[in-house]
Amino acid sequence: MTAKFIIAAALVAMALGRPEDTPGYDYSAPSSNAKYDFNYAVKDDYSSNDFGHQEDRDGYGAQGSYYVLLPDGRLQKVTYSVNGDSGFVAEVSYEGEAQYPAEQPSYKPTPSYA
């Protein structure tokens, strides 16, 4: 009986203690339009990494591009745009010709036992 009374009292206290005019958040509209632009690029000859990304956004519209050097030697470029609810629209292109060098034997050290 006392456990039921304590639970009921706690629920009443929570209901009375909650302010009714607490400001809420309206998820339907952003409080401010997003606006940014950024870019970066990485080119490391030692590891053969070559990639980058660029994007501009103003409100619900965004456009940008990114690229990556593929293992076969081609450069893959993606140019994209987003305009509100229209979705992600991308155009993919390639530069260069795919290269497949002859297989090189891997290094296999000769075991030595002492």
N, C-alpha and C. Protein backbone atom coordinates (compact mmCIF):
# COMPACT_ATOMS: atom_id res chain seq x y z
N MET A 1 0.82 -1.19 0.00
CA MET A 1 0.00 0.00 0.00
C MET A 1 0.87 1.25 0.00
N THR A 2 1.91 1.28 0.79
CA THR A 2 2.75 2.48 0.85
C THR A 2 3.53 2.67 -0.45
N ALA A 3 3.92 1.57 -1.12
CA ALA A 3 4.64 1.70 -2.39
C ALA A 3 3.74 2.33 -3.44
N LYS A 4 2.46 1.95 -3.49
CA LYS A 4 1.52 2.54 -4.45
C LYS A 4 1.33 4.01 -4.15
N PHE A 5 1.28 4.38 -2.85
CA PHE A 5 1.09 5.77 -2.47
C PHE A 5 2.30 6.61 -2.88
N ILE A 6 3.51 6.06 -2.70
CA ILE A 6 4.72 6.80 -3.05
C ILE A 6 4.80 7.01 -4.56
N ILE A 7 4.46 6.00 -5.33
CA ILE A 7 4.48 6.13 -6.79
C ILE A 7 3.45 7.15 -7.25
N ALA A 8 2.24 7.08 -6.67
CA ALA A 8 1.19 8.03 -7.05
C ALA A 8 1.59 9.45 -6.66
N ALA A 9 2.19 9.63 -5.50
CA ALA A 9 2.61 10.96 -5.06
C ALA A 9 3.71 11.50 -5.97
N ALA A 10 4.62 10.64 -6.39
CA ALA A 10 5.70 11.07 -7.28
C ALA A 10 5.14 11.51 -8.63
N LEU A 11 4.17 10.78 -9.16
CA LEU A 11 3.56 11.16 -10.44
C LEU A 11 2.83 12.49 -10.33
N VAL A 12 2.12 12.72 -9.22
CA VAL A 12 1.41 13.99 -9.02
C VAL A 12 2.42 15.13 -8.91
N ALA A 13 3.51 14.90 -8.18
CA ALA A 13 4.53 15.95 -8.02
C ALA A 13 5.16 16.30 -9.36
N MET A 14 5.43 15.29 -10.20
CA MET A 14 6.01 15.56 -11.52
C MET A 14 5.03 16.34 -12.38
N ALA A 15 3.76 16.00 -12.34
CA ALA A 15 2.76 16.69 -13.15
C ALA A 15 2.61 18.14 -12.71
N LEU A 16 2.63 18.39 -11.41
CA LEU A 16 2.46 19.75 -10.90
C LEU A 16 3.73 20.57 -11.10
N GLY A 17 4.86 19.96 -11.10
CA GLY A 17 6.12 20.67 -11.21
C GLY A 17 6.51 21.03 -12.63
N ARG A 18 5.81 20.52 -13.61
CA ARG A 18 6.14 20.78 -15.02
C ARG A 18 5.53 22.09 -15.46
N PRO A 19 6.35 23.05 -15.89
CA PRO A 19 5.78 24.31 -16.37
C PRO A 19 5.09 24.10 -17.71
N GLU A 20 3.93 24.69 -17.85
CA GLU A 20 3.13 24.52 -19.06
C GLU A 20 3.62 25.40 -20.20
N ASP A 21 4.27 26.50 -19.88
CA ASP A 21 4.68 27.42 -20.93
C ASP A 21 6.17 27.27 -21.29
N THR A 22 6.65 26.03 -21.22
CA THR A 22 8.03 25.75 -21.60
C THR A 22 8.16 25.90 -23.11
N PRO A 23 9.14 26.70 -23.55
CA PRO A 23 9.28 26.85 -25.01
C PRO A 23 9.70 25.53 -25.65
N GLY A 24 9.05 25.19 -26.74
CA GLY A 24 9.38 23.96 -27.46
C GLY A 24 10.23 24.28 -28.67
N TYR A 25 10.58 23.27 -29.41
CA TYR A 25 11.35 23.46 -30.62
C TYR A 25 10.52 22.99 -31.79
N ASP A 26 10.41 23.82 -32.79
CA ASP A 26 9.66 23.50 -34.00
C ASP A 26 10.63 22.90 -35.02
N TYR A 27 10.51 21.60 -35.28
CA TYR A 27 11.40 20.91 -36.20
C TYR A 27 11.02 21.14 -37.66
N SER A 28 9.90 21.76 -37.91
CA SER A 28 9.45 21.91 -39.29
C SER A 28 10.21 23.00 -40.04
N ALA A 29 10.76 23.98 -39.32
CA ALA A 29 11.47 25.05 -40.01
C ALA A 29 12.78 25.34 -39.29
N PRO A 30 13.85 25.45 -40.04
CA PRO A 30 15.13 25.74 -39.39
C PRO A 30 15.14 27.17 -38.85
N SER A 31 15.87 27.37 -37.76
CA SER A 31 15.93 28.69 -37.16
C SER A 31 16.79 29.62 -38.00
N SER A 32 17.73 29.08 -38.76
CA SER A 32 18.53 29.91 -39.66
C SER A 32 18.98 29.04 -40.83
N ASN A 33 19.15 29.69 -41.96
CA ASN A 33 19.59 28.96 -43.15
C ASN A 33 21.07 28.63 -43.05
N ALA A 34 21.42 27.41 -43.39
CA ALA A 34 22.83 27.01 -43.39
C ALA A 34 23.52 27.65 -44.58
N LYS A 35 24.71 28.17 -44.34
CA LYS A 35 25.49 28.74 -45.43
C LYS A 35 26.96 28.46 -45.13
N TYR A 36 27.61 27.75 -46.05
CA TYR A 36 29.01 27.44 -45.87
C TYR A 36 29.63 27.06 -47.20
N ASP A 37 30.93 27.06 -47.22
CA ASP A 37 31.67 26.45 -48.32
C ASP A 37 32.97 25.90 -47.74
N PHE A 38 33.41 24.80 -48.29
CA PHE A 38 34.64 24.18 -47.82
C PHE A 38 35.29 23.43 -48.96
N ASN A 39 36.56 23.14 -48.79
CA ASN A 39 37.26 22.29 -49.73
C ASN A 39 38.51 21.74 -49.05
N TYR A 40 38.94 20.59 -49.54
CA TYR A 40 40.19 20.00 -49.07
C TYR A 40 40.74 19.11 -50.17
N ALA A 41 42.01 18.87 -50.10
CA ALA A 41 42.65 18.00 -51.07
C ALA A 41 43.82 17.30 -50.39
N VAL A 42 44.05 16.04 -50.78
CA VAL A 42 45.15 15.25 -50.27
C VAL A 42 45.88 14.67 -51.47
N LYS A 43 47.18 14.87 -51.51
CA LYS A 43 48.00 14.25 -52.56
C LYS A 43 49.29 13.80 -51.91
N ASP A 44 49.44 12.50 -51.80
CA ASP A 44 50.61 11.90 -51.17
C ASP A 44 51.21 10.91 -52.15
N ASP A 45 52.31 11.29 -52.78
CA ASP A 45 52.93 10.43 -53.79
C ASP A 45 53.44 9.12 -53.21
N TYR A 46 53.92 9.15 -51.98
CA TYR A 46 54.46 7.94 -51.37
C TYR A 46 53.41 6.84 -51.27
N SER A 47 52.17 7.19 -50.82
CA SER A 47 51.10 6.19 -50.67
C SER A 47 50.16 6.15 -51.86
N SER A 48 50.39 7.01 -52.85
CA SER A 48 49.54 7.12 -54.04
C SER A 48 48.12 7.58 -53.71
N ASN A 49 47.93 8.27 -52.60
CA ASN A 49 46.63 8.84 -52.27
C ASN A 49 46.48 10.19 -52.96
N ASP A 50 45.37 10.36 -53.65
CA ASP A 50 45.06 11.62 -54.34
C ASP A 50 43.55 11.74 -54.35
N PHE A 51 43.01 12.61 -53.50
CA PHE A 51 41.56 12.80 -53.43
C PHE A 51 41.25 14.17 -52.87
N GLY A 52 40.02 14.62 -53.09
CA GLY A 52 39.61 15.93 -52.59
C GLY A 52 38.11 16.10 -52.67
N HIS A 53 37.63 17.18 -52.05
CA HIS A 53 36.19 17.45 -51.98
C HIS A 53 36.00 18.95 -51.88
N GLN A 54 34.95 19.46 -52.50
CA GLN A 54 34.58 20.87 -52.45
C GLN A 54 33.06 20.94 -52.40
N GLU A 55 32.50 21.82 -51.55
CA GLU A 55 31.04 21.98 -51.49
C GLU A 55 30.69 23.39 -51.06
N ASP A 56 29.61 23.92 -51.65
CA ASP A 56 29.01 25.20 -51.28
C ASP A 56 27.57 24.95 -50.93
N ARG A 57 27.09 25.58 -49.85
CA ARG A 57 25.69 25.44 -49.47
C ARG A 57 25.15 26.79 -49.06
N ASP A 58 23.91 27.03 -49.47
CA ASP A 58 23.18 28.22 -49.06
C ASP A 58 21.73 27.81 -48.86
N GLY A 59 21.31 27.69 -47.62
CA GLY A 59 19.95 27.24 -47.33
C GLY A 59 19.78 25.78 -47.66
N TYR A 60 18.77 25.49 -48.48
CA TYR A 60 18.50 24.09 -48.83
C TYR A 60 19.25 23.64 -50.08
N GLY A 61 19.92 24.53 -50.76
CA GLY A 61 20.63 24.17 -51.97
C GLY A 61 22.11 23.94 -51.71
N ALA A 62 22.65 22.92 -52.31
CA ALA A 62 24.08 22.63 -52.18
C ALA A 62 24.59 22.11 -53.51
N GLN A 63 25.85 22.42 -53.80
CA GLN A 63 26.50 21.88 -54.98
C GLN A 63 27.96 21.67 -54.64
N GLY A 64 28.54 20.68 -55.28
CA GLY A 64 29.93 20.39 -54.99
C GLY A 64 30.47 19.32 -55.90
N SER A 65 31.68 18.90 -55.58
CA SER A 65 32.32 17.84 -56.35
C SER A 65 33.38 17.19 -55.48
N TYR A 66 33.70 15.97 -55.83
CA TYR A 66 34.82 15.29 -55.19
C TYR A 66 35.48 14.39 -56.22
N TYR A 67 36.73 14.05 -55.95
CA TYR A 67 37.49 13.22 -56.88
C TYR A 67 38.38 12.28 -56.10
N VAL A 68 38.75 11.19 -56.77
CA VAL A 68 39.66 10.22 -56.17
C VAL A 68 40.44 9.53 -57.29
N LEU A 69 41.73 9.33 -57.05
CA LEU A 69 42.55 8.58 -57.98
C LEU A 69 42.34 7.10 -57.68
N LEU A 70 41.82 6.37 -58.65
CA LEU A 70 41.51 4.95 -58.46
C LEU A 70 42.77 4.10 -58.58
N PRO A 71 42.74 2.90 -58.02
CA PRO A 71 43.92 2.02 -58.11
C PRO A 71 44.32 1.67 -59.54
N ASP A 72 43.37 1.74 -60.48
CA ASP A 72 43.70 1.41 -61.87
C ASP A 72 44.27 2.61 -62.63
N GLY A 73 44.50 3.74 -61.95
CA GLY A 73 45.13 4.89 -62.57
C GLY A 73 44.16 5.94 -63.08
N ARG A 74 42.87 5.66 -63.13
CA ARG A 74 41.90 6.64 -63.60
C ARG A 74 41.56 7.62 -62.47
N LEU A 75 41.13 8.81 -62.83
CA LEU A 75 40.65 9.80 -61.87
C LEU A 75 39.13 9.81 -61.96
N GLN A 76 38.47 9.49 -60.88
CA GLN A 76 37.00 9.51 -60.84
C GLN A 76 36.56 10.85 -60.26
N LYS A 77 35.66 11.55 -60.99
CA LYS A 77 35.13 12.83 -60.53
C LYS A 77 33.61 12.71 -60.40
N VAL A 78 33.10 13.25 -59.31
CA VAL A 78 31.66 13.29 -59.08
C VAL A 78 31.28 14.74 -58.85
N THR A 79 30.39 15.25 -59.67
CA THR A 79 29.84 16.60 -59.50
C THR A 79 28.39 16.41 -59.11
N TYR A 80 27.94 17.11 -58.06
CA TYR A 80 26.59 16.89 -57.56
C TYR A 80 25.91 18.19 -57.18
N SER A 81 24.60 18.09 -57.06
CA SER A 81 23.79 19.22 -56.57
C SER A 81 22.61 18.66 -55.80
N VAL A 82 22.16 19.46 -54.85
CA VAL A 82 20.97 19.16 -54.07
C VAL A 82 20.19 20.45 -54.01
N ASN A 83 18.91 20.39 -54.37
CA ASN A 83 18.09 21.58 -54.33
C ASN A 83 16.81 21.27 -53.56
N GLY A 84 16.81 21.57 -52.26
CA GLY A 84 15.64 21.31 -51.42
C GLY A 84 15.30 19.84 -51.38
N ASP A 85 14.05 19.53 -51.68
CA ASP A 85 13.57 18.15 -51.62
C ASP A 85 13.77 17.38 -52.91
N SER A 86 14.47 17.96 -53.90
CA SER A 86 14.63 17.27 -55.18
C SER A 86 15.58 16.09 -55.09
N GLY A 87 16.39 16.03 -54.04
CA GLY A 87 17.29 14.90 -53.86
C GLY A 87 18.68 15.18 -54.38
N PHE A 88 19.50 14.17 -54.29
CA PHE A 88 20.91 14.22 -54.66
C PHE A 88 21.02 13.87 -56.13
N VAL A 89 21.54 14.79 -56.95
CA VAL A 89 21.72 14.57 -58.38
C VAL A 89 23.21 14.58 -58.66
N ALA A 90 23.75 13.48 -59.16
CA ALA A 90 25.19 13.37 -59.35
C ALA A 90 25.53 13.02 -60.79
N GLU A 91 26.66 13.52 -61.24
CA GLU A 91 27.22 13.16 -62.54
C GLU A 91 28.62 12.62 -62.28
N VAL A 92 28.86 11.40 -62.73
CA VAL A 92 30.14 10.74 -62.50
C VAL A 92 30.91 10.68 -63.82
N SER A 93 32.19 11.07 -63.77
CA SER A 93 33.02 10.99 -64.97
C SER A 93 34.39 10.43 -64.60
N TYR A 94 35.10 9.96 -65.62
CA TYR A 94 36.42 9.36 -65.42
C TYR A 94 37.40 10.00 -66.39
N GLU A 95 38.61 10.21 -65.92
CA GLU A 95 39.69 10.70 -66.78
C GLU A 95 40.79 9.65 -66.80
N GLY A 96 41.34 9.45 -67.99
CA GLY A 96 42.43 8.49 -68.13
C GLY A 96 41.92 7.12 -68.55
N GLU A 97 42.86 6.24 -68.74
CA GLU A 97 42.56 4.87 -69.16
C GLU A 97 43.00 3.92 -68.05
N ALA A 98 42.18 2.92 -67.78
CA ALA A 98 42.51 1.95 -66.74
C ALA A 98 43.78 1.20 -67.13
N GLN A 99 44.70 1.10 -66.19
CA GLN A 99 45.97 0.40 -66.40
C GLN A 99 46.04 -0.79 -65.46
N TYR A 100 46.39 -1.93 -66.03
CA TYR A 100 46.54 -3.15 -65.24
C TYR A 100 47.94 -3.69 -65.50
N PRO A 101 48.91 -3.27 -64.68
CA PRO A 101 50.28 -3.73 -64.92
C PRO A 101 50.40 -5.23 -64.69
N ALA A 102 51.42 -5.80 -65.33
CA ALA A 102 51.67 -7.24 -65.17
C ALA A 102 51.93 -7.53 -63.69
N GLU A 103 51.51 -8.70 -63.29
CA GLU A 103 51.68 -9.08 -61.89
C GLU A 103 53.16 -9.22 -61.56
N GLN A 104 53.55 -8.60 -60.48
CA GLN A 104 54.93 -8.66 -60.03
C GLN A 104 55.02 -9.71 -58.93
N PRO A 105 56.07 -10.54 -58.99
CA PRO A 105 56.21 -11.52 -57.91
C PRO A 105 56.47 -10.79 -56.60
N SER A 106 55.85 -11.29 -55.55
CA SER A 106 56.05 -10.65 -54.25
C SER A 106 57.38 -11.11 -53.65
N TYR A 107 57.90 -10.34 -52.75
CA TYR A 107 59.17 -10.64 -52.09
C TYR A 107 58.98 -11.80 -51.14
N LYS A 108 59.82 -12.81 -51.27
CA LYS A 108 59.77 -13.97 -50.38
C LYS A 108 61.19 -14.21 -49.87
N PRO A 109 61.46 -13.82 -48.65
CA PRO A 109 62.82 -13.99 -48.14
C PRO A 109 63.15 -15.48 -47.96
N THR A 110 64.41 -15.79 -48.13
CA THR A 110 64.87 -17.17 -47.93
C THR A 110 65.02 -17.42 -46.44
N PRO A 111 64.35 -18.44 -45.92
CA PRO A 111 64.47 -18.70 -44.48
C PRO A 111 65.89 -19.15 -44.14
N SER A 112 66.36 -18.70 -43.02
CA SER A 112 67.69 -19.15 -42.54
C SER A 112 67.52 -19.64 -41.11
N TYR A 113 68.13 -20.75 -40.84
CA TYR A 113 68.03 -21.36 -39.52
C TYR A 113 69.43 -21.41 -38.90
N ALA A 114 69.51 -20.95 -37.70
CA ALA A 114 70.82 -20.98 -37.05
C ALA A 114 70.87 -22.04 -35.97
